Amino acid sequence: MKKKILVVDDEMSICLLLENFLSQEYDVVTINSGEDALVWLESNLPDLIISDIQMPNMDGFEFLTKVRQRGFTKHTPFIMLSARAESKERIKCYRLGAQDYLTKPFNPEELEELVKKNLSPIHFALAW
């Protein structure tokens, strides 16, 4: 059974891009707002969440905070996406509970490695 990844981004092009990169190996669900994602999470449990930071109504920081406050998603691995590369934003994401931070535009190979790392907490490499 494929692992499930929830992608939350208000930009449809990013959702399609992530779905295209990841759907061969994973079951990818794309949602365009933090509010809708929280509703989806009431009856679904992904193995990984990838979320944009800059979204209208509920930004990625608030979405991450709400995900961490829920019992079932408290420990779900979380990767933040942002067009901003400032370390202040990265630090804020880590303090709120994100495991990783990826800047846009991102390298598909780096995305793949971060996804593997977060879905396999014990090192995923075949050889060290």
Foldseek 3Di string as FASTA:
>chain_A
DFFEEEEEALDVVVLVVVCVLPVVRHHYDYDHDLVVVVVVVVPDAGQEYEYEQDDPPAGPLNSLLVLCVDDRRVPRAYEYEYQDDDVVVVVSCVVSPHPYYAYPPGDSVVVVCVVQCSNDVPDPDPPD
